[in-house]
Amino acid sequence: MAGGKLTPRQKMINLMYLVFIAMLAMNMSKEVLSAFGLMNEKFESANNTSKQTNEQMLAALDAKAAEAKGEFAVAAATAHKVEAATKKFYAFVETIKAEVLNGVEVNEKTGKLDYEAMDKADNLDNSLFNGDGYSKRGNEVIAAIETYKTEMKSALGNEKKYSAILNEIIKKFDLADVANKEGLKDKYLNYHFKGFPAVASLAKLSAWQNDAKKGESDVISAALGKAAVQAASYSNYQAIVVLEKNAYFQGENVKGKVVLGRYDENTKPTSFQGPGRLENGQAVISLTAGSVGEQTINGSFSFLEDGKTIPLPFKGNYVVVPRPNSATISADKMNVVYRGVANPMTISFAGVANNKVKASAPGMSGSDGKYVLKPGAGNSVMVSVSATLPDGKVVTDKKEFRIKGIPAPTGKIRGEVSASGSKSNLEVCTITADLIDFDFPVKAQVTQFTIKVPGQPSKVVSGSKMDAAAKSAIAKASKGDVVSIFDIKAKFVGGAEGQLVKQISPCSFEIK
């Protein structure tokens, strides 16, 4: 543009135009960069949670395998292969993230990365690409993904139980060329990373790790479920002590039965030794509960098999507890109660019928063990309980619960935190505020939001849909622009009207 047979003046004008375009390209919205940073924080938080959960589930599966062997042992072997493949791939992605963060400093005030300064793509561009092709490092990334998929296929094999999980992993890590915004085929890494801001690449890599951890979690869950079904189908016979209650007051009669696990008319014992008598193939127990603590019931059945007497010993335990003097009070959904919503609660006294138990607190209603608490002002609420025992005595107890406000909603556009599509699609999108993982029938209705199109002034929009001013700004957006939606305002509906809505997180939309 600044070369050829042009006048010096025209060359200077053209050069200034190029500089102006470069400055516009570099001036990416700080809100967009921060939004990517927040996305990365959510991914990393989810990854840490998944890591702990997967370790706990795998430990449970190993314990089952040690106890029951059989299908649990096979399932545990599969899960460990998947764990090893996921761990190796996760660690490799961590090395790429380290390259992205090379030279990036942590903000001393917030203790976080300075997302607004992570608008350059130099680190990964120099590392992964060599002209239009991949560098040695870029080929290593492709090889690592292929190795991960191969190891997952080897671990899961052709087992039907895992086929949907494996297909999802293969789909998420499909390395085929991708059609870009001009409809031309682009190499996988070029499409996802080349020229992208460092903070966007960091979020993408964290999403890779999240996909891998989710696949690992799905496999372990499926392995546990499959092994449990197989174990439940075993035809093991054993003697089982079945008591009317597991715990008794001092002086009560302990009643129950001792039966075979697969009791039927053809498996009647010929004799029984223990605290009771035989009735219709079952041993009916009757004795008096002793001192407080664990007690043992034991004895043996005898039955005929092929003309031989086969003994089958049994042993069971029951616990004698003192008469109750405290209540069991628990919130069905949370360890706290939430202001402005109906919090269901189950309240009972051990050994006392629910119709003999009464509970009270400011904002509480209900009976027969099922209550609803709708707390008002303050930071805590006291629940008081009284129970009438079988002998007519009344015992009381109370417990304090913390009161919390409804958590902050998550801003979404078209149901996503980060969406993409055409300008016409953006113009008709609805902005929502979702209460993620909040187990109450409360919704947040968006009443106002601010939209920022790169190169255009911010527009404040009333309601949850784009108005004329917003659509006018969107019409001036270019392909590749990331439109930010922030400063979202909302009100609660569905039972929490009048409650304060906490700050709602932003969302974004990329123009394709």
Protein backbone atom coordinates (compact mmCIF):
# COMPACT_ATOMS: atom_id res chain seq x y z
CA MET A 1 0.00 0.00 0.00
CA ALA A 2 2.91 2.34 0.74
CA GLY A 3 4.98 1.16 -2.24
CA GLY A 4 4.68 1.37 -6.04
CA LYS A 5 4.51 4.58 -8.12
CA LEU A 6 2.81 6.74 -5.53
CA THR A 7 3.59 10.30 -4.52
CA PRO A 8 5.42 10.79 -1.21
CA ARG A 9 2.27 12.39 0.19
CA GLN A 10 0.11 9.40 -0.81
CA LYS A 11 2.66 6.98 0.62
CA MET A 12 2.57 8.86 3.93
CA ILE A 13 -1.28 8.80 4.01
CA ASN A 14 -1.32 5.08 3.29
CA LEU A 15 1.28 4.40 5.99
CA MET A 16 -0.72 6.37 8.56
CA TYR A 17 -3.83 4.37 7.57
CA LEU A 18 -1.97 1.11 8.24
CA VAL A 19 -0.81 2.35 11.63
CA PHE A 20 -4.37 3.37 12.48
CA ILE A 21 -5.71 -0.11 11.59
CA ALA A 22 -2.99 -1.76 13.67
CA MET A 23 -3.87 0.44 16.64
CA LEU A 24 -7.53 -0.52 16.35
CA ALA A 25 -6.65 -4.21 16.20
CA MET A 26 -4.47 -3.90 19.29
CA ASN A 27 -7.08 -1.97 21.24
CA MET A 28 -9.13 -5.02 22.26
CA SER A 29 -11.79 -4.29 24.83
CA LYS A 30 -10.52 -4.66 28.39
CA GLU A 31 -13.90 -6.09 29.36
CA VAL A 32 -13.52 -8.88 26.79
CA LEU A 33 -10.03 -9.78 28.04
CA SER A 34 -11.31 -9.82 31.62
CA ALA A 35 -14.25 -12.01 30.56
CA PHE A 36 -11.83 -14.55 29.09
CA GLY A 37 -9.86 -14.42 32.33
CA LEU A 38 -12.97 -15.10 34.40
CA MET A 39 -13.83 -18.00 32.09
CA ASN A 40 -10.38 -19.44 32.67
CA GLU A 41 -10.79 -19.11 36.45
CA LYS A 42 -14.09 -21.03 36.27
CA PHE A 43 -12.50 -23.78 34.17
CA GLU A 44 -9.54 -24.11 36.55
CA SER A 45 -11.85 -24.18 39.58
CA ALA A 46 -13.96 -26.89 37.94
CA ASN A 47 -10.81 -28.82 37.06
CA ASN A 48 -9.61 -28.80 40.67
CA THR A 49 -13.03 -29.98 41.85
CA SER A 50 -13.11 -32.73 39.22
CA LYS A 51 -9.64 -33.87 40.25
CA GLN A 52 -10.71 -34.31 43.89
CA THR A 53 -14.02 -35.95 42.96
CA ASN A 54 -12.38 -38.38 40.53
CA GLU A 55 -9.77 -39.35 43.11
CA GLN A 56 -12.51 -40.07 45.66
CA MET A 57 -14.55 -42.15 43.21
CA LEU A 58 -11.48 -44.08 42.10
CA ALA A 59 -10.57 -44.78 45.73
CA ALA A 60 -14.12 -46.08 46.30
CA LEU A 61 -13.82 -48.30 43.23
CA ASP A 62 -10.44 -49.62 44.42
CA ALA A 63 -11.93 -50.41 47.84
CA LYS A 64 -14.76 -52.32 46.17
CA ALA A 65 -12.28 -54.18 43.97
CA ALA A 66 -10.25 -55.18 47.05
CA GLU A 67 -13.37 -56.40 48.83
CA ALA A 68 -15.45 -58.02 46.09
CA LYS A 69 -12.92 -58.73 43.29
CA GLY A 70 -14.74 -59.92 40.14
CA GLU A 71 -16.32 -57.18 38.02
CA PHE A 72 -15.14 -54.46 40.40
CA ALA A 73 -11.52 -55.50 39.80
CA VAL A 74 -12.02 -55.36 36.00
CA ALA A 75 -13.74 -51.97 36.26
CA ALA A 76 -10.94 -50.62 38.49
CA ALA A 77 -8.29 -51.72 35.97
CA THR A 78 -10.12 -49.84 33.18
CA ALA A 79 -10.52 -46.73 35.35
CA HIS A 80 -6.81 -46.67 36.23
CA LYS A 81 -5.83 -46.86 32.55
CA VAL A 82 -8.09 -43.90 31.84
CA GLU A 83 -6.69 -42.03 34.85
CA ALA A 84 -3.12 -42.55 33.58
CA ALA A 85 -3.97 -41.34 30.05
CA THR A 86 -5.84 -38.30 31.40
CA LYS A 87 -3.09 -37.42 33.88
CA LYS A 88 -0.42 -37.51 31.16
CA PHE A 89 -2.47 -35.38 28.74
CA TYR A 90 -3.48 -32.94 31.50
CA ALA A 91 0.18 -32.45 32.47
CA PHE A 92 1.18 -31.89 28.84
CA VAL A 93 -1.49 -29.20 28.40
CA GLU A 94 -0.13 -27.58 31.57
CA THR A 95 3.24 -27.14 29.80
CA ILE A 96 1.51 -25.29 26.94
CA LYS A 97 -0.23 -23.04 29.45
CA ALA A 98 3.16 -22.29 30.96
CA GLU A 99 4.33 -21.12 27.52
CA VAL A 100 1.28 -18.86 27.23
CA LEU A 101 2.07 -17.28 30.61
CA ASN A 102 5.76 -16.76 29.88
CA GLY A 103 6.47 -13.11 30.72
CA VAL A 104 2.97 -12.48 32.14
CA GLU A 105 3.04 -10.96 35.61
CA VAL A 106 0.63 -11.39 38.50
CA ASN A 107 -1.18 -8.27 39.72
CA GLU A 108 0.20 -7.54 43.20
CA LYS A 109 -3.08 -6.04 44.41
CA THR A 110 -5.44 -8.82 43.28
CA GLY A 111 -3.05 -11.77 43.31
CA LYS A 112 -4.38 -12.70 39.87
CA LEU A 113 -3.02 -12.54 36.34
CA ASP A 114 -3.34 -9.17 34.65
CA TYR A 115 -5.90 -10.30 32.04
CA GLU A 116 -6.17 -6.87 30.46
CA ALA A 117 -2.48 -7.04 29.54
CA MET A 118 -2.79 -10.51 27.97
CA ASP A 119 -3.90 -9.26 24.54
CA LYS A 120 -0.88 -10.51 22.56
CA ALA A 121 -0.55 -13.82 20.72
CA ASP A 122 3.25 -13.84 20.37
CA ASN A 123 4.07 -16.69 22.78
CA LEU A 124 1.99 -19.42 21.12
CA ASP A 125 2.35 -17.99 17.61
CA ASN A 126 6.14 -18.24 17.89
CA SER A 127 5.97 -21.64 19.60
CA LEU A 128 3.37 -23.58 17.59
CA PHE A 129 3.63 -22.19 14.08
CA ASN A 130 6.23 -21.91 11.34
CA GLY A 131 4.78 -19.85 8.53
CA ASP A 132 1.54 -21.49 7.36
CA GLY A 133 2.51 -24.81 8.91
CA TYR A 134 3.25 -26.19 12.37
CA SER A 135 6.57 -25.88 14.17
CA LYS A 136 8.19 -28.82 15.94
CA ARG A 137 6.31 -27.82 19.10
CA GLY A 138 3.04 -27.59 17.16
CA ASN A 139 3.49 -31.15 15.88
CA GLU A 140 4.18 -32.25 19.47
CA VAL A 141 0.80 -30.83 20.51
CA ILE A 142 -0.98 -32.69 17.70
CA ALA A 143 0.90 -35.91 18.61
CA ALA A 144 -0.04 -35.54 22.30
CA ILE A 145 -3.75 -35.24 21.43
CA GLU A 146 -3.57 -38.27 19.13
CA THR A 147 -1.76 -40.25 21.82
CA TYR A 148 -4.41 -39.32 24.38
CA LYS A 149 -7.22 -40.49 22.09
CA THR A 150 -5.35 -43.71 21.25
CA GLU A 151 -4.76 -44.50 24.93
CA MET A 152 -8.42 -43.83 25.75
CA LYS A 153 -9.52 -46.16 22.92
CA SER A 154 -7.12 -48.83 24.20
CA ALA A 155 -8.37 -48.46 27.78
CA LEU A 156 -12.09 -48.52 26.92
CA GLY A 157 -11.93 -50.97 24.02
CA ASN A 158 -15.22 -52.02 22.46
CA GLU A 159 -17.10 -52.07 25.76
CA LYS A 160 -20.61 -50.83 24.98
CA LYS A 161 -20.89 -49.20 28.41
CA TYR A 162 -18.18 -46.70 27.49
CA SER A 163 -18.88 -46.16 23.77
CA ALA A 164 -20.81 -42.90 24.21
CA ILE A 165 -18.07 -41.50 26.47
CA LEU A 166 -15.32 -42.45 23.99
CA ASN A 167 -17.26 -40.95 21.07
CA GLU A 168 -17.64 -37.69 22.98
CA ILE A 169 -13.90 -37.53 23.67
CA ILE A 170 -13.02 -38.25 20.03
CA LYS A 171 -15.48 -35.57 18.89
CA LYS A 172 -14.14 -32.94 21.30
CA PHE A 173 -10.55 -33.60 20.18
CA ASP A 174 -11.22 -33.96 16.44
CA LEU A 175 -8.07 -32.63 14.71
CA ALA A 176 -9.62 -32.28 11.24
CA ASP A 177 -9.25 -28.98 9.41
CA VAL A 178 -11.88 -26.41 10.40
CA ALA A 179 -13.76 -24.04 8.10
CA ASN A 180 -12.90 -20.45 9.03
CA LYS A 181 -15.13 -17.39 8.74
CA GLU A 182 -14.42 -17.17 4.98
CA GLY A 183 -15.46 -20.80 4.55
CA LEU A 184 -11.89 -21.91 3.82
CA LYS A 185 -10.29 -24.89 5.52
CA ASP A 186 -7.85 -24.00 8.27
CA LYS A 187 -5.50 -26.25 10.25
CA TYR A 188 -6.77 -27.24 13.70
CA LEU A 189 -4.21 -25.31 15.78
CA ASN A 190 -4.32 -22.32 13.42
CA TYR A 191 -8.08 -22.08 13.84
CA HIS A 192 -8.02 -22.34 17.64
CA PHE A 193 -4.86 -20.43 18.61
CA LYS A 194 -3.13 -18.49 15.83
CA GLY A 195 -3.41 -14.76 16.45
CA PHE A 196 -5.63 -15.17 19.51
CA PRO A 197 -4.96 -13.11 22.67
CA ALA A 198 -2.98 -15.00 25.30
CA VAL A 199 -5.88 -14.94 27.77
CA ALA A 200 -8.21 -16.56 25.19
CA SER A 201 -5.66 -19.31 24.47
CA LEU A 202 -5.25 -19.90 28.22
CA ALA A 203 -9.02 -20.37 28.62
CA LYS A 204 -9.10 -22.75 25.64
CA LEU A 205 -6.32 -24.89 27.13
CA SER A 206 -8.10 -25.01 30.49
CA ALA A 207 -11.21 -26.13 28.58
CA TRP A 208 -9.15 -28.99 27.07
CA GLN A 209 -8.20 -30.08 30.57
CA ASN A 210 -11.83 -29.80 31.65
CA ASP A 211 -12.96 -32.03 28.76
CA ALA A 212 -10.34 -34.64 29.70
CA LYS A 213 -11.33 -34.58 33.38
CA LYS A 214 -15.02 -34.90 32.47
CA GLY A 215 -14.23 -37.95 30.32
CA GLU A 216 -12.32 -39.49 33.22
CA SER A 217 -15.20 -38.80 35.61
CA ASP A 218 -17.75 -40.32 33.21
CA VAL A 219 -15.67 -43.48 32.83
CA ILE A 220 -15.21 -43.98 36.60
CA SER A 221 -18.93 -43.39 37.21
CA ALA A 222 -19.85 -45.86 34.47
CA ALA A 223 -17.32 -48.38 35.81
CA LEU A 224 -18.79 -48.17 39.30
CA GLY A 225 -22.33 -48.57 37.98
CA LYS A 226 -21.49 -51.50 35.70
CA ALA A 227 -19.60 -53.38 38.41
CA ALA A 228 -22.40 -52.81 40.92
CA VAL A 229 -24.99 -54.28 38.52
CA GLN A 230 -22.81 -57.34 37.95
CA ALA A 231 -22.20 -57.79 41.67
CA ALA A 232 -25.94 -57.56 42.38
CA SER A 233 -26.59 -60.52 40.05
CA TYR A 234 -24.43 -62.97 42.06
CA SER A 235 -26.32 -65.90 43.62
CA ASN A 236 -24.62 -65.90 47.01
CA TYR A 237 -26.45 -67.42 49.94
CA GLN A 238 -25.91 -66.04 53.42
CA ALA A 239 -27.81 -65.77 56.67
CA ILE A 240 -29.18 -62.29 57.39
CA VAL A 241 -30.40 -60.90 60.70
CA VAL A 242 -33.45 -58.69 60.02
CA LEU A 243 -34.58 -56.71 63.06
CA GLU A 244 -37.66 -54.55 63.35
CA LYS A 245 -35.41 -51.68 64.45
CA ASN A 246 -31.65 -51.10 64.46
CA ALA A 247 -31.65 -49.37 67.84
CA TYR A 248 -33.78 -49.83 70.96
CA PHE A 249 -34.55 -48.04 74.21
CA GLN A 250 -33.43 -49.76 77.40
CA GLY A 251 -35.97 -52.38 78.45
CA GLU A 252 -37.67 -52.73 75.04
CA ASN A 253 -38.26 -56.11 73.39
CA VAL A 254 -35.92 -56.78 70.50
CA LYS A 255 -37.85 -58.47 67.70
CA GLY A 256 -36.85 -59.58 64.23
CA LYS A 257 -36.11 -62.52 61.94
CA VAL A 258 -33.12 -64.50 60.72
CA VAL A 259 -33.62 -65.68 57.11
CA LEU A 260 -31.59 -66.96 54.20
CA GLY A 261 -30.69 -64.38 51.59
CA ARG A 262 -32.53 -66.45 48.96
CA TYR A 263 -35.26 -67.87 51.18
CA ASP A 264 -37.96 -69.99 49.50
CA GLU A 265 -40.11 -73.02 50.28
CA ASN A 266 -37.38 -75.42 49.15
CA THR A 267 -34.74 -74.02 51.53
CA LYS A 268 -36.29 -74.66 54.93
CA PRO A 269 -33.85 -75.23 57.82
CA THR A 270 -34.23 -78.51 59.73
CA SER A 271 -33.04 -76.95 63.00
CA PHE A 272 -32.10 -73.63 64.52
CA GLN A 273 -29.86 -72.65 67.40
CA GLY A 274 -30.13 -69.10 68.73
CA PRO A 275 -32.34 -66.70 70.73
CA GLY A 276 -35.68 -67.67 69.18
CA ARG A 277 -37.63 -70.46 67.42
CA LEU A 278 -38.31 -71.70 63.89
CA GLU A 279 -41.54 -70.66 62.17
CA ASN A 280 -42.17 -71.46 58.48
CA GLY A 281 -38.48 -71.64 57.62
CA GLN A 282 -37.63 -68.45 59.51
CA ALA A 283 -36.14 -67.96 62.94
CA VAL A 284 -38.31 -65.55 64.96
CA ILE A 285 -36.23 -63.71 67.57
CA SER A 286 -37.53 -62.44 70.91
CA LEU A 287 -35.30 -61.11 73.69
CA THR A 288 -34.89 -58.10 75.97
CA ALA A 289 -32.48 -55.31 75.05
CA GLY A 290 -29.62 -55.10 77.54
CA SER A 291 -27.27 -52.28 78.43
CA VAL A 292 -26.53 -49.32 76.17
CA GLY A 293 -24.06 -50.16 73.40
CA GLU A 294 -23.56 -52.76 70.66
CA GLN A 295 -25.05 -56.22 71.23
CA THR A 296 -24.59 -59.46 69.28
CA ILE A 297 -27.05 -62.07 68.08
CA ASN A 298 -25.60 -65.37 66.83
CA GLY A 299 -26.52 -68.96 66.23
CA SER A 300 -26.84 -71.36 63.28
CA PHE A 301 -29.25 -72.97 60.86
CA SER A 302 -29.05 -76.61 59.78
CA PHE A 303 -30.57 -77.91 56.58
CA LEU A 304 -30.42 -81.06 54.43
CA GLU A 305 -28.67 -81.14 51.09
CA ASP A 306 -28.24 -84.45 49.21
CA GLY A 307 -28.93 -86.34 52.42
CA LYS A 308 -26.30 -84.46 54.40
CA THR A 309 -26.80 -81.99 57.23
CA ILE A 310 -25.25 -78.63 56.32
CA PRO A 311 -24.69 -76.09 59.15
CA LEU A 312 -25.00 -72.37 58.31
CA PRO A 313 -23.90 -70.09 61.15
CA PHE A 314 -25.12 -66.50 61.43
CA LYS A 315 -24.09 -63.46 63.40
CA GLY A 316 -25.70 -60.03 63.65
CA ASN A 317 -25.44 -56.87 65.72
CA TYR A 318 -27.83 -54.31 67.10
CA VAL A 319 -27.24 -51.13 69.07
CA VAL A 320 -29.02 -50.16 72.27
CA VAL A 321 -29.29 -46.38 72.69
CA PRO A 322 -30.53 -44.33 75.63
CA ARG A 323 -33.91 -42.68 75.43
CA PRO A 324 -33.65 -39.51 73.29
CA ASN A 325 -33.03 -36.06 74.73
CA SER A 326 -32.01 -34.21 71.54
CA ALA A 327 -33.60 -33.72 68.12
CA THR A 328 -32.29 -34.31 64.63
CA ILE A 329 -32.69 -31.12 62.61
CA SER A 330 -31.40 -30.88 59.04
CA ALA A 331 -31.98 -28.67 55.99
CA ASP A 332 -33.00 -30.85 53.06
CA LYS A 333 -31.04 -28.90 50.46
CA MET A 334 -28.31 -26.86 52.17
CA ASN A 335 -26.38 -26.48 55.40
CA VAL A 336 -27.80 -22.96 55.57
CA VAL A 337 -31.18 -21.41 54.85
CA TYR A 338 -31.69 -18.75 52.18
CA ARG A 339 -33.51 -15.50 52.72
CA GLY A 340 -36.61 -14.92 50.61
CA VAL A 341 -37.19 -18.55 49.56
CA ALA A 342 -39.05 -21.50 51.10
CA ASN A 343 -36.40 -23.76 52.63
CA PRO A 344 -37.74 -27.33 53.13
CA MET A 345 -36.59 -28.96 56.38
CA THR A 346 -36.99 -32.43 57.91
CA ILE A 347 -37.19 -32.39 61.72
CA SER A 348 -37.45 -35.52 63.89
CA PHE A 349 -36.61 -37.02 67.26
CA ALA A 350 -34.96 -40.44 67.30
CA GLY A 351 -37.51 -43.08 68.27
CA VAL A 352 -40.43 -40.61 68.43
CA ALA A 353 -43.31 -40.52 65.92
CA ASN A 354 -43.40 -37.38 63.77
CA ASN A 355 -46.90 -36.47 64.99
CA LYS A 356 -45.48 -36.22 68.52
CA VAL A 357 -42.80 -33.71 67.45
CA LYS A 358 -43.36 -29.96 67.16
CA ALA A 359 -40.97 -27.38 65.67
CA SER A 360 -41.12 -23.60 65.64
CA ALA A 361 -39.08 -20.64 64.36
CA PRO A 362 -39.79 -17.20 62.88
CA GLY A 363 -41.11 -17.81 59.36
CA MET A 364 -41.61 -21.59 59.83
CA SER A 365 -44.71 -23.62 58.92
CA GLY A 366 -45.53 -27.33 58.55
CA SER A 367 -46.05 -30.50 60.62
CA ASP A 368 -45.37 -34.28 60.85
CA GLY A 369 -41.63 -33.91 60.31
CA LYS A 370 -41.88 -31.78 57.14
CA TYR A 371 -41.48 -28.03 57.52
CA VAL A 372 -40.81 -24.95 55.43
CA LEU A 373 -38.69 -22.10 56.76
CA LYS A 374 -38.77 -18.69 55.08
CA PRO A 375 -36.37 -16.56 57.17
CA GLY A 376 -36.56 -12.82 57.39
CA ALA A 377 -34.00 -10.27 58.56
CA GLY A 378 -30.83 -11.09 60.46
CA ASN A 379 -27.86 -13.38 59.99
CA SER A 380 -29.25 -16.45 61.76
CA VAL A 381 -32.48 -18.10 62.89
CA MET A 382 -33.09 -20.43 65.85
CA VAL A 383 -35.24 -23.56 65.36
CA SER A 384 -36.81 -24.94 68.56
CA VAL A 385 -38.15 -28.51 68.82
CA SER A 386 -40.15 -30.40 71.46
CA ALA A 387 -41.11 -34.11 71.47
CA THR A 388 -43.47 -36.18 73.59
CA LEU A 389 -41.98 -39.61 74.40
CA PRO A 390 -44.06 -42.81 74.65
CA ASP A 391 -44.03 -42.50 78.47
CA GLY A 392 -45.46 -38.95 78.27
CA LYS A 393 -42.25 -37.06 79.05
CA VAL A 394 -41.47 -33.97 76.95
CA VAL A 395 -37.93 -33.29 75.77
CA THR A 396 -36.73 -30.18 73.92
CA ASP A 397 -33.84 -29.09 71.75
CA LYS A 398 -32.89 -26.19 69.47
CA LYS A 399 -30.45 -25.42 66.68
CA GLU A 400 -29.23 -22.25 64.99
CA PHE A 401 -29.04 -21.89 61.19
CA ARG A 402 -27.12 -19.26 59.23
CA ILE A 403 -29.15 -17.08 56.84
CA LYS A 404 -27.61 -16.29 53.46
CA GLY A 405 -28.79 -14.29 50.49
CA ILE A 406 -29.45 -15.84 47.09
CA PRO A 407 -26.11 -16.32 45.20
CA ALA A 408 -25.08 -14.17 42.26
CA PRO A 409 -26.48 -15.24 38.86
CA THR A 410 -24.32 -15.97 35.80
CA GLY A 411 -24.87 -13.78 32.75
CA LYS A 412 -25.55 -15.64 29.51
CA ILE A 413 -26.30 -14.77 25.89
CA ARG A 414 -28.29 -17.30 23.92
CA GLY A 415 -27.91 -19.60 26.94
CA GLU A 416 -24.09 -19.47 26.83
CA VAL A 417 -21.40 -17.53 28.69
CA SER A 418 -19.41 -17.18 25.46
CA ALA A 419 -21.42 -17.56 22.24
CA SER A 420 -20.69 -16.93 18.57
CA GLY A 421 -22.62 -16.43 15.35
CA SER A 422 -23.70 -13.86 12.81
CA LYS A 423 -24.65 -10.26 13.51
CA SER A 424 -28.27 -11.06 12.64
CA ASN A 425 -28.20 -13.85 15.20
CA LEU A 426 -26.82 -11.51 17.89
CA GLU A 427 -29.54 -8.94 17.19
CA VAL A 428 -32.27 -11.40 18.23
CA CYS A 429 -30.43 -12.99 21.17
CA THR A 430 -31.90 -12.87 24.67
CA ILE A 431 -29.74 -11.96 27.66
CA THR A 432 -30.38 -14.17 30.68
CA ALA A 433 -29.09 -14.46 34.25
CA ASP A 434 -28.97 -18.07 35.47
CA LEU A 435 -28.76 -19.26 39.08
CA ILE A 436 -26.45 -22.21 38.43
CA ASP A 437 -26.68 -25.12 40.91
CA PHE A 438 -29.24 -23.27 43.06
CA ASP A 439 -31.84 -25.90 44.01
CA PHE A 440 -34.81 -23.60 44.43
CA PRO A 441 -37.53 -22.59 41.93
CA VAL A 442 -36.25 -19.02 41.74
CA LYS A 443 -35.46 -17.25 38.47
CA ALA A 444 -33.62 -14.01 37.70
CA GLN A 445 -35.36 -11.84 35.09
CA VAL A 446 -33.02 -9.46 33.24
CA THR A 447 -34.23 -5.86 33.28
CA GLN A 448 -31.20 -4.02 31.87
CA PHE A 449 -27.73 -4.62 30.39
CA THR A 450 -24.88 -2.79 28.69
CA ILE A 451 -23.53 -3.88 25.29
CA LYS A 452 -20.08 -2.94 24.00
CA VAL A 453 -19.22 -3.41 20.31
CA PRO A 454 -15.49 -2.88 19.54
CA GLY A 455 -15.00 0.63 18.16
CA GLN A 456 -18.50 1.76 19.24
CA PRO A 457 -19.70 3.50 22.40
CA SER A 458 -21.32 1.31 25.06
CA LYS A 459 -25.12 1.11 24.88
CA VAL A 460 -27.40 0.66 27.90
CA VAL A 461 -30.41 -1.48 26.96
CA SER A 462 -33.63 -1.86 28.94
CA GLY A 463 -35.12 -5.35 29.13
CA SER A 464 -33.44 -8.56 27.99
CA LYS A 465 -33.39 -8.06 24.21
CA MET A 466 -31.51 -5.73 21.87
CA ASP A 467 -33.14 -2.36 21.20
CA ALA A 468 -32.68 -0.14 18.14
CA ALA A 469 -29.50 1.52 19.49
CA ALA A 470 -27.91 -1.81 20.26
CA LYS A 471 -28.81 -3.20 16.83
CA SER A 472 -27.32 -0.10 15.20
CA ALA A 473 -24.03 -0.67 17.03
CA ILE A 474 -24.07 -4.38 16.14
CA ALA A 475 -24.55 -3.53 12.47
CA LYS A 476 -21.17 -1.76 12.55
CA ALA A 477 -19.33 -4.76 14.01
CA SER A 478 -16.84 -6.72 11.90
CA LYS A 479 -16.24 -10.42 11.64
CA GLY A 480 -14.01 -11.56 14.48
CA ASP A 481 -15.21 -8.80 16.83
CA VAL A 482 -16.09 -9.97 20.32
CA VAL A 483 -19.12 -8.11 21.67
CA SER A 484 -19.28 -7.79 25.46
CA ILE A 485 -22.46 -7.87 27.56
CA PHE A 486 -21.90 -6.55 31.09
CA ASP A 487 -23.41 -4.54 33.94
CA ILE A 488 -26.45 -6.87 33.77
CA LYS A 489 -29.35 -5.94 36.04
CA ALA A 490 -32.12 -8.34 37.03
CA LYS A 491 -34.90 -9.00 39.50
CA PHE A 492 -35.96 -12.29 41.12
CA VAL A 493 -39.24 -13.96 40.23
CA GLY A 494 -40.80 -17.23 41.38
CA GLY A 495 -40.83 -16.78 45.14
CA ALA A 496 -37.98 -14.38 45.96
CA GLU A 497 -39.45 -11.09 44.78
CA GLY A 498 -37.95 -8.08 46.49
CA GLN A 499 -34.63 -9.78 47.29
CA LEU A 500 -31.42 -8.03 46.22
CA VAL A 501 -29.75 -9.52 43.13
CA LYS A 502 -25.97 -9.73 43.55
CA GLN A 503 -23.58 -8.60 40.79
CA ILE A 504 -24.12 -10.67 37.63
CA SER A 505 -21.09 -11.92 35.69
CA PRO A 506 -20.62 -10.70 32.06
CA CYS A 507 -20.90 -12.72 28.84
CA SER A 508 -19.67 -12.29 25.28
CA PHE A 509 -20.55 -12.97 21.62
CA GLU A 510 -18.04 -13.40 18.77
CA ILE A 511 -19.14 -12.21 15.33
CA LYS A 512 -18.58 -14.92 12.72
